[in-house]
Amino acid sequence: MTERPVTVEVGTNFLVGEDTHAAEKVCLDILNNKFKKGQIPELWDGHAAERIVEVLVDKVNGEFVNGE
């Protein structure tokens, strides 16, 4: 299970769980240039961190203004 299953579906991540042999195989495959070509997931724009910071700043500013 992962909180971002779309990254597994489009090939930017691999899900191996707690299986150390599966993790080792995936790592070795990647190091030997044997991996599926990934894509950027739909709706991902690379600006999530900026939006998160904006929400946090607005929340902090609101607390100072409202005295909460």
N, C-alpha and C. Protein backbone atom coordinates (compact mmCIF):
# COMPACT_ATOMS: atom_id res chain seq x y z
N MET A 1 0.84 -1.17 0.00
CA MET A 1 0.00 0.00 0.00
C MET A 1 0.89 1.25 0.00
N THR A 2 0.45 2.26 -0.70
CA THR A 2 1.17 3.54 -0.75
C THR A 2 0.15 4.67 -0.79
N GLU A 3 0.54 5.83 -0.28
CA GLU A 3 -0.38 6.97 -0.33
C GLU A 3 -0.38 7.62 -1.71
N ARG A 4 0.51 7.22 -2.57
CA ARG A 4 0.58 7.74 -3.93
C ARG A 4 0.57 6.59 -4.95
N PRO A 5 -0.53 5.84 -5.05
CA PRO A 5 -0.56 4.69 -5.96
C PRO A 5 -0.37 5.08 -7.43
N VAL A 6 -0.72 6.31 -7.78
CA VAL A 6 -0.57 6.72 -9.17
C VAL A 6 0.89 6.68 -9.60
N THR A 7 1.83 6.91 -8.67
CA THR A 7 3.23 6.88 -9.05
C THR A 7 3.69 5.46 -9.41
N VAL A 8 3.07 4.47 -8.81
CA VAL A 8 3.37 3.08 -9.17
C VAL A 8 2.76 2.77 -10.53
N GLU A 9 1.54 3.26 -10.74
CA GLU A 9 0.82 3.00 -11.99
C GLU A 9 1.54 3.60 -13.20
N VAL A 10 2.10 4.79 -13.06
CA VAL A 10 2.75 5.44 -14.21
C VAL A 10 4.23 5.15 -14.29
N GLY A 11 4.76 4.41 -13.33
CA GLY A 11 6.14 3.94 -13.44
C GLY A 11 7.21 4.77 -12.78
N THR A 12 6.84 5.74 -11.96
CA THR A 12 7.89 6.52 -11.31
C THR A 12 8.30 5.94 -9.96
N ASN A 13 7.57 4.96 -9.47
CA ASN A 13 7.91 4.28 -8.22
C ASN A 13 7.63 2.79 -8.35
N PHE A 14 8.23 2.02 -7.47
CA PHE A 14 7.99 0.58 -7.38
C PHE A 14 7.50 0.29 -5.97
N LEU A 15 6.57 -0.62 -5.84
CA LEU A 15 6.07 -1.01 -4.54
C LEU A 15 6.53 -2.43 -4.25
N VAL A 16 7.38 -2.59 -3.25
CA VAL A 16 7.90 -3.91 -2.92
C VAL A 16 7.54 -4.35 -1.51
N GLY A 17 6.95 -3.47 -0.72
CA GLY A 17 6.58 -3.83 0.64
C GLY A 17 7.79 -4.14 1.49
N GLU A 18 7.68 -5.17 2.30
CA GLU A 18 8.78 -5.54 3.19
C GLU A 18 9.62 -6.67 2.63
N ASP A 19 9.43 -6.98 1.36
CA ASP A 19 10.16 -8.07 0.71
C ASP A 19 11.55 -7.58 0.31
N THR A 20 12.55 -7.92 1.10
CA THR A 20 13.91 -7.42 0.83
C THR A 20 14.47 -7.96 -0.48
N HIS A 21 14.07 -9.16 -0.86
CA HIS A 21 14.54 -9.71 -2.14
C HIS A 21 13.96 -8.93 -3.32
N ALA A 22 12.68 -8.56 -3.21
CA ALA A 22 12.06 -7.76 -4.27
C ALA A 22 12.72 -6.38 -4.34
N ALA A 23 13.01 -5.79 -3.18
CA ALA A 23 13.66 -4.48 -3.14
C ALA A 23 15.05 -4.56 -3.77
N GLU A 24 15.78 -5.61 -3.45
CA GLU A 24 17.12 -5.80 -4.01
C GLU A 24 17.04 -5.95 -5.53
N LYS A 25 16.07 -6.73 -6.02
CA LYS A 25 15.92 -6.94 -7.46
C LYS A 25 15.61 -5.62 -8.17
N VAL A 26 14.69 -4.85 -7.61
CA VAL A 26 14.34 -3.56 -8.23
C VAL A 26 15.55 -2.64 -8.25
N CYS A 27 16.28 -2.58 -7.14
CA CYS A 27 17.48 -1.72 -7.09
C CYS A 27 18.51 -2.14 -8.12
N LEU A 28 18.76 -3.44 -8.20
CA LEU A 28 19.75 -3.92 -9.17
C LEU A 28 19.29 -3.67 -10.60
N ASP A 29 18.00 -3.86 -10.87
CA ASP A 29 17.47 -3.58 -12.21
C ASP A 29 17.69 -2.11 -12.56
N ILE A 30 17.38 -1.22 -11.64
CA ILE A 30 17.54 0.21 -11.90
C ILE A 30 19.01 0.54 -12.14
N LEU A 31 19.89 0.00 -11.32
CA LEU A 31 21.32 0.25 -11.48
C LEU A 31 21.86 -0.29 -12.81
N ASN A 32 21.18 -1.32 -13.34
CA ASN A 32 21.58 -1.89 -14.63
C ASN A 32 20.74 -1.37 -15.79
N ASN A 33 20.09 -0.22 -15.56
CA ASN A 33 19.27 0.44 -16.59
C ASN A 33 18.15 -0.43 -17.13
N LYS A 34 17.60 -1.29 -16.28
CA LYS A 34 16.45 -2.12 -16.66
C LYS A 34 15.25 -1.67 -15.83
N PHE A 35 14.52 -0.72 -16.37
CA PHE A 35 13.34 -0.24 -15.65
C PHE A 35 12.33 0.29 -16.65
N LYS A 36 11.08 0.35 -16.21
CA LYS A 36 10.04 0.88 -17.08
C LYS A 36 10.15 2.40 -17.13
N LYS A 37 9.81 2.95 -18.26
CA LYS A 37 9.85 4.40 -18.43
C LYS A 37 8.68 5.01 -17.67
N GLY A 38 8.97 5.93 -16.78
CA GLY A 38 7.93 6.58 -15.99
C GLY A 38 7.39 7.81 -16.69
N GLN A 39 6.26 8.26 -16.20
CA GLN A 39 5.63 9.48 -16.69
C GLN A 39 5.29 10.36 -15.50
N ILE A 40 5.13 11.64 -15.72
CA ILE A 40 4.66 12.52 -14.67
C ILE A 40 3.17 12.27 -14.52
N PRO A 41 2.71 11.98 -13.30
CA PRO A 41 1.29 11.72 -13.09
C PRO A 41 0.42 12.91 -13.51
N GLU A 42 -0.75 12.60 -14.01
CA GLU A 42 -1.70 13.64 -14.42
C GLU A 42 -2.00 14.54 -13.23
N LEU A 43 -2.12 15.80 -13.46
CA LEU A 43 -2.43 16.84 -12.48
C LEU A 43 -1.25 17.24 -11.60
N TRP A 44 -0.09 16.62 -11.79
CA TRP A 44 1.09 17.02 -11.02
C TRP A 44 1.78 18.15 -11.76
N ASP A 45 2.01 19.24 -11.06
CA ASP A 45 2.62 20.40 -11.73
C ASP A 45 3.93 20.84 -11.10
N GLY A 46 4.37 20.15 -10.04
CA GLY A 46 5.63 20.51 -9.41
C GLY A 46 5.55 21.69 -8.47
N HIS A 47 4.35 22.14 -8.14
CA HIS A 47 4.20 23.33 -7.29
C HIS A 47 3.48 23.04 -5.97
N ALA A 48 3.41 21.79 -5.57
CA ALA A 48 2.72 21.44 -4.33
C ALA A 48 3.36 22.11 -3.12
N ALA A 49 4.68 22.11 -3.04
CA ALA A 49 5.35 22.72 -1.88
C ALA A 49 5.01 24.20 -1.76
N GLU A 50 4.95 24.89 -2.87
CA GLU A 50 4.62 26.31 -2.85
C GLU A 50 3.20 26.53 -2.34
N ARG A 51 2.27 25.68 -2.76
CA ARG A 51 0.89 25.81 -2.29
C ARG A 51 0.79 25.50 -0.79
N ILE A 52 1.53 24.51 -0.33
CA ILE A 52 1.53 24.16 1.09
C ILE A 52 2.05 25.33 1.92
N VAL A 53 3.16 25.93 1.48
CA VAL A 53 3.73 27.07 2.20
C VAL A 53 2.72 28.21 2.25
N GLU A 54 2.03 28.46 1.16
CA GLU A 54 1.03 29.53 1.12
C GLU A 54 -0.08 29.29 2.15
N VAL A 55 -0.55 28.06 2.24
CA VAL A 55 -1.59 27.71 3.22
C VAL A 55 -1.07 27.92 4.64
N LEU A 56 0.16 27.46 4.90
CA LEU A 56 0.73 27.61 6.24
C LEU A 56 0.92 29.08 6.62
N VAL A 57 1.42 29.87 5.69
CA VAL A 57 1.62 31.30 5.96
C VAL A 57 0.29 31.97 6.21
N ASP A 58 -0.72 31.66 5.41
CA ASP A 58 -2.06 32.24 5.62
C ASP A 58 -2.61 31.85 6.98
N LYS A 59 -2.40 30.60 7.39
CA LYS A 59 -2.87 30.13 8.70
C LYS A 59 -2.17 30.88 9.82
N VAL A 60 -0.85 31.00 9.75
CA VAL A 60 -0.09 31.70 10.79
C VAL A 60 -0.51 33.17 10.83
N ASN A 61 -0.62 33.81 9.69
CA ASN A 61 -1.03 35.22 9.65
C ASN A 61 -2.43 35.40 10.19
N GLY A 62 -3.31 34.48 9.92
CA GLY A 62 -4.68 34.54 10.43
C GLY A 62 -4.72 34.42 11.94
N GLU A 63 -3.85 33.59 12.50
CA GLU A 63 -3.80 33.43 13.96
C GLU A 63 -3.34 34.73 14.63
N PHE A 64 -2.37 35.41 14.03
CA PHE A 64 -1.89 36.66 14.63
C PHE A 64 -2.94 37.76 14.50
N VAL A 65 -3.65 37.77 13.38
CA VAL A 65 -4.67 38.80 13.16
C VAL A 65 -5.87 38.57 14.08
N ASN A 66 -6.30 37.32 14.20
CA ASN A 66 -7.48 36.99 14.99
C ASN A 66 -7.18 36.74 16.45
N GLY A 67 -5.93 36.68 16.83
CA GLY A 67 -5.56 36.46 18.21
C GLY A 67 -5.85 35.05 18.70
N GLU A 68 -5.95 34.10 17.80
CA GLU A 68 -6.25 32.71 18.18
C GLU A 68 -5.06 32.04 18.81
